Protein backbone atom coordinates (compact mmCIF):
# COMPACT_ATOMS: atom_id res chain seq x y z
CA MET A 1 -3.63 -25.73 31.88
CA LYS A 2 -0.91 -25.74 29.21
CA LYS A 3 -0.43 -22.76 26.99
CA LYS A 4 -1.00 -23.64 23.34
CA LYS A 5 2.27 -23.56 21.41
CA LYS A 6 2.22 -21.43 18.26
CA LYS A 7 3.20 -23.26 15.11
CA ALA A 8 5.58 -22.25 12.38
CA LYS A 9 3.93 -20.88 9.25
CA LEU A 10 5.33 -21.61 5.82
CA LEU A 11 5.33 -18.50 3.65
CA GLY A 12 6.73 -20.34 0.65
CA ARG A 13 9.04 -23.22 -0.18
CA HIS A 14 12.05 -21.43 1.32
CA ILE A 15 10.62 -19.00 3.87
CA VAL A 16 9.07 -19.66 7.27
CA ALA A 17 7.84 -17.61 10.23
CA ASP A 18 8.45 -19.66 13.37
CA PRO A 19 7.73 -18.10 16.79
CA GLU A 20 10.60 -20.21 18.18
CA ILE A 21 13.13 -18.70 15.74
CA CYS A 22 14.06 -15.01 15.61
CA HIS A 23 10.86 -14.00 17.44
CA GLY A 24 8.71 -15.19 14.54
CA LYS A 25 10.25 -12.89 11.93
CA PRO A 26 10.45 -14.47 8.47
CA THR A 27 13.62 -16.50 7.98
CA PHE A 28 14.87 -18.91 5.37
CA ARG A 29 13.91 -22.49 6.26
CA GLY A 30 16.50 -24.31 8.31
CA THR A 31 18.41 -21.11 9.11
CA ARG A 32 18.26 -18.07 11.33
CA ILE A 33 18.87 -15.80 8.35
CA LEU A 34 16.29 -13.03 8.31
CA VAL A 35 14.58 -12.48 4.99
CA ALA A 36 14.69 -8.73 5.67
CA ASP A 37 18.49 -8.83 5.91
CA VAL A 38 18.82 -10.53 2.52
CA LEU A 39 16.31 -8.12 0.95
CA GLU A 40 18.41 -5.25 2.32
CA GLN A 41 21.48 -6.72 0.66
CA VAL A 42 19.60 -6.99 -2.64
CA ALA A 43 18.47 -3.36 -2.27
CA GLU A 44 22.09 -2.32 -1.68
CA GLY A 45 22.96 -3.82 -5.05
CA LEU A 46 24.96 -6.81 -3.88
CA ALA A 47 25.19 -9.57 -6.47
CA TRP A 48 23.15 -12.62 -5.59
CA GLU A 49 26.28 -14.79 -5.74
CA THR A 50 27.93 -12.51 -3.18
CA ILE A 51 24.89 -12.72 -0.90
CA ILE A 52 24.89 -16.50 -1.17
CA GLN A 53 28.61 -16.63 -0.36
CA GLU A 54 28.23 -14.27 2.60
CA TRP A 55 25.60 -16.60 4.05
CA ARG A 56 27.88 -19.61 3.41
CA GLN A 57 25.53 -21.19 0.85
CA SER A 58 22.75 -21.50 3.47
CA ILE A 59 20.46 -19.84 0.91
CA ASN A 60 20.37 -20.06 -2.87
CA HIS A 61 19.04 -18.25 -5.94
CA ASP A 62 15.58 -19.75 -5.52
CA SER A 63 15.46 -18.54 -1.89
CA ILE A 64 16.35 -14.98 -2.86
CA ALA A 65 13.90 -14.99 -5.77
CA GLU A 66 11.11 -16.17 -3.48
CA ALA A 67 11.92 -13.44 -0.95
CA ILE A 68 11.73 -10.79 -3.67
CA HIS A 69 8.49 -12.24 -5.04
CA LEU A 70 6.87 -12.22 -1.58
CA ALA A 71 8.15 -8.69 -0.90
CA ARG A 72 6.59 -7.52 -4.18
CA LYS A 73 3.28 -9.15 -3.29
CA ALA A 74 3.32 -7.60 0.20
CA PHE A 75 4.08 -4.19 -1.28
CA LEU A 76 1.28 -4.42 -3.83
CA ASP A 77 -1.17 -5.67 -1.20
CA HIS A 78 -0.34 -2.76 1.10
CA VAL A 79 0.51 0.05 -1.32
CA PRO A 80 -2.20 2.43 0.03
CA GLU A 81 -0.41 2.39 3.39
CA TYR A 82 2.65 3.95 1.70
CA PHE A 83 0.84 6.98 0.30
CA LEU A 84 2.25 10.17 1.72
CA GLU A 85 -0.11 12.76 3.05
CA PRO A 86 -0.09 15.95 0.95
CA PRO A 87 1.65 18.85 2.67
CA ALA A 88 -0.59 21.13 4.72
CA ALA A 89 -1.61 24.29 2.90
């Protein structure tokens, strides 16, 4: 009996989670560029043009914007998980 192959899941126009690529972590379509790596670069304050150049134009402004939009949505959907426990008395 064959094992059922997991399919790639589109997370947007530019982002995909494919079990065959980077262990299913979200990447930009057609690349092995991890969305998390680009978000880290944005968080470090790198200019979007610099990020695009560093990835040799494999991503673009729309790709980065979509990653930020999805990260915002994920954060808002899971914000209670980020609450810190009050210190013990």
